[in-house]
Structures are given as C-alpha cells and as structure tokens.
C-alpha cells in the first residue's frame, strides 16, 4: 500500500497497528500493509468498526499481526479476536473479492485475474496487461 495511505491507517488506529514497530522476529506487521490502494477504504472501515466495538462494548483490544493480499483477497491476521471481531474481519476479507485492489471500484466488472491471482476491474486489468 502507498506509504501515505498506510501511515493514515497507522495514525488513525495506533492500537490495532501497534505491532508495526516490532521486529520481523516478533511480527509480520513490520513489513507494513501489503496490498493495493484500492482496499484502503475497506481496511479503514474494518478498523473503525473493530476499534469502535473495542472502545464502546468493552471487547478486548486486538492487534494486527499481518495485513496483506493473498490469492486475490484481503488477509487481516490478528491476535486474540472474539467471535464477533472474527466475523467482522471475515466479512471484510470476503468483500475484498469484489473490490478492485488497484482503484477500489466495485461492481460487475471486478474479477480475479488468471495466473497471478488479483482482484481487479477491467480497466486496471487492461492497464496492467499493457505494461
């Protein structure tokens, strides 16, 4: 993810992304958020809901241990999530399969590419194929 967007998430949700400053021996979060900018809004909304649930409903504080793209979908790994928090994460990860990882567009033209699996809209897929 672009550094500017990543830093915005880190500053908005410092408790969730607390592990970003740990070494690679302690967490994979040290590598940052490893996905395209199109999922920024999805990750932002997920973190907002998770932190709201933690702060307002007394749920345990979770920390992200890794956030990345894998097989065309968002992976958001945390430690110590409740069933409710896991459900929020699962929903966001499922939604990523219909959101372009590059531009964030949603709709019928978003699909997963063949070969290197990515979730892209037709415009972004064509742009990547022409490079």
Protein backbone atom coordinates (compact mmCIF):
# COMPACT_ATOMS: atom_id res chain seq x y z
CA UNK A 1 0.00 0.00 0.00
CA UNK A 2 1.17 3.51 -0.67
CA UNK A 3 3.09 4.87 2.31
CA UNK A 4 0.79 7.89 2.68
CA UNK A 5 -2.34 5.71 2.93
CA UNK A 6 -0.61 3.18 5.18
CA UNK A 7 0.54 5.93 7.55
CA UNK A 8 -3.00 7.30 7.66
CA UNK A 9 -4.25 3.90 8.86
CA UNK A 10 -1.39 3.63 11.36
CA UNK A 11 -2.13 7.05 12.84
CA UNK A 12 -5.91 6.53 12.87
CA UNK A 13 -5.71 3.12 14.57
CA UNK A 14 -2.48 3.04 16.62
CA UNK A 15 -3.77 0.37 18.99
CA UNK A 16 -4.69 -2.04 16.18
CA UNK A 17 -1.38 -1.43 14.37
CA UNK A 18 0.77 -1.38 17.49
CA UNK A 19 2.96 -4.22 16.21
CA UNK A 20 4.14 -2.23 13.17
CA UNK A 21 7.19 -1.11 15.17
CA UNK A 22 8.22 -4.61 16.28
CA UNK A 23 10.98 -6.64 14.62
CA UNK A 24 10.43 -9.36 12.00
CA UNK A 25 11.23 -11.91 14.70
CA UNK A 26 8.14 -10.77 16.60
CA UNK A 27 5.56 -9.96 13.90
CA UNK A 28 4.92 -9.80 10.17
CA UNK A 29 3.35 -6.35 10.68
CA UNK A 30 6.86 -4.89 10.47
CA UNK A 31 6.53 -5.20 6.67
CA UNK A 32 3.56 -2.86 6.65
CA UNK A 33 0.27 -3.30 4.82
CA UNK A 34 0.99 -5.35 1.72
CA UNK A 35 -1.89 -4.73 -0.68
CA UNK A 36 -3.02 -2.20 -3.25
CA UNK A 37 -4.50 1.23 -2.52
CA UNK A 38 -7.96 0.16 -3.69
CA UNK A 39 -8.56 -1.65 -0.43
CA UNK A 40 -7.69 1.37 1.75
CA UNK A 41 -11.35 2.26 2.33
CA UNK A 42 -12.22 -1.36 3.18
CA UNK A 43 -9.39 -1.66 5.71
CA UNK A 44 -10.22 1.77 7.14
CA UNK A 45 -13.86 0.81 7.66
CA UNK A 46 -12.91 -2.54 9.18
CA UNK A 47 -10.50 -0.93 11.65
CA UNK A 48 -13.07 1.74 12.50
CA UNK A 49 -15.70 -0.87 13.34
CA UNK A 50 -13.24 -3.03 15.27
CA UNK A 51 -11.95 -0.13 17.37
CA UNK A 52 -15.49 1.14 18.00
CA UNK A 53 -16.51 -2.32 19.20
CA UNK A 54 -13.45 -2.48 21.45
CA UNK A 55 -13.90 1.01 22.93
CA UNK A 56 -17.69 1.10 23.32
CA UNK A 57 -18.50 -2.52 24.09
CA UNK A 58 -15.53 -3.44 26.24
CA UNK A 59 -14.18 -6.03 23.83
CA UNK A 60 -10.52 -7.00 24.17
CA UNK A 61 -8.02 -4.89 22.20
CA UNK A 62 -6.77 -6.76 19.17
CA UNK A 63 -3.53 -6.11 17.32
CA UNK A 64 -2.93 -6.77 13.64
CA UNK A 65 -0.08 -9.21 13.09
CA UNK A 66 -0.22 -9.13 9.28
CA UNK A 67 -2.31 -7.38 6.61
CA UNK A 68 -1.80 -8.45 3.00
CA UNK A 69 -3.24 -9.70 -0.26
CA UNK A 70 -3.14 -13.42 -0.89
CA UNK A 71 -4.82 -15.32 -3.74
CA UNK A 72 -6.67 -12.16 -4.76
CA UNK A 73 -8.24 -11.48 -1.37
CA UNK A 74 -7.51 -9.45 1.73
CA UNK A 75 -5.94 -11.28 4.65
CA UNK A 76 -6.18 -9.49 8.01
CA UNK A 77 -4.49 -11.50 10.74
CA UNK A 78 -4.86 -10.52 14.39
CA UNK A 79 -4.22 -11.99 17.80
CA UNK A 80 -6.94 -12.71 20.34
CA UNK A 81 -10.06 -11.84 18.34
CA UNK A 82 -13.50 -12.64 19.71
CA UNK A 83 -16.07 -14.43 17.52
CA UNK A 84 -17.68 -11.06 16.78
CA UNK A 85 -14.38 -9.47 15.76
CA UNK A 86 -13.51 -12.51 13.65
CA UNK A 87 -16.86 -12.15 11.91
CA UNK A 88 -16.12 -8.50 11.04
CA UNK A 89 -12.73 -9.49 9.67
CA UNK A 90 -14.15 -12.40 7.68
CA UNK A 91 -16.78 -10.12 6.13
CA UNK A 92 -14.19 -7.53 5.05
CA UNK A 93 -11.94 -10.23 3.62
CA UNK A 94 -14.87 -11.68 1.70
CA UNK A 95 -15.85 -8.23 0.39
CA UNK A 96 -12.32 -7.70 -0.95
CA UNK A 97 -13.03 -10.34 -3.58
CA UNK A 98 -15.37 -7.88 -5.35
CA UNK A 99 -13.35 -4.66 -4.89
CA UNK A 100 -10.55 -3.71 -7.29
CA UNK A 101 -7.29 -3.80 -5.36
CA UNK A 102 -5.82 -1.03 -7.52
CA UNK A 103 -8.59 1.58 -7.76
CA UNK A 104 -11.28 0.46 -5.29
CA UNK A 105 -14.11 0.19 -7.81
CA UNK A 106 -16.87 -2.29 -7.13
CA UNK A 107 -19.35 -3.96 -9.39
CA UNK A 108 -19.83 -6.47 -12.13
CA UNK A 109 -16.57 -5.69 -13.94
CA UNK A 110 -14.38 -6.71 -10.97
CA UNK A 111 -12.97 -10.20 -11.26
CA UNK A 112 -9.94 -12.23 -10.35
CA UNK A 113 -7.14 -12.46 -12.88
CA UNK A 114 -5.67 -15.71 -14.14
CA UNK A 115 -2.06 -16.62 -13.40
CA UNK A 116 -1.06 -14.27 -10.61
CA UNK A 117 -4.38 -14.05 -8.80
CA UNK A 118 -5.52 -10.49 -8.18
CA UNK A 119 -8.92 -8.84 -7.87
CA UNK A 120 -9.06 -6.07 -10.45
CA UNK A 121 -11.61 -4.19 -12.51
CA UNK A 122 -11.38 -4.47 -16.30
CA UNK A 123 -9.78 -1.03 -16.63
CA UNK A 124 -6.99 -1.83 -14.14
CA UNK A 125 -6.54 -5.32 -15.57
CA UNK A 126 -6.12 -3.88 -19.09
CA UNK A 127 -3.68 -1.27 -17.79
CA UNK A 128 -1.56 -3.92 -16.09
CA UNK A 129 -1.63 -6.20 -19.15
CA UNK A 130 -0.44 -3.38 -21.42
CA UNK A 131 2.59 -2.53 -19.26
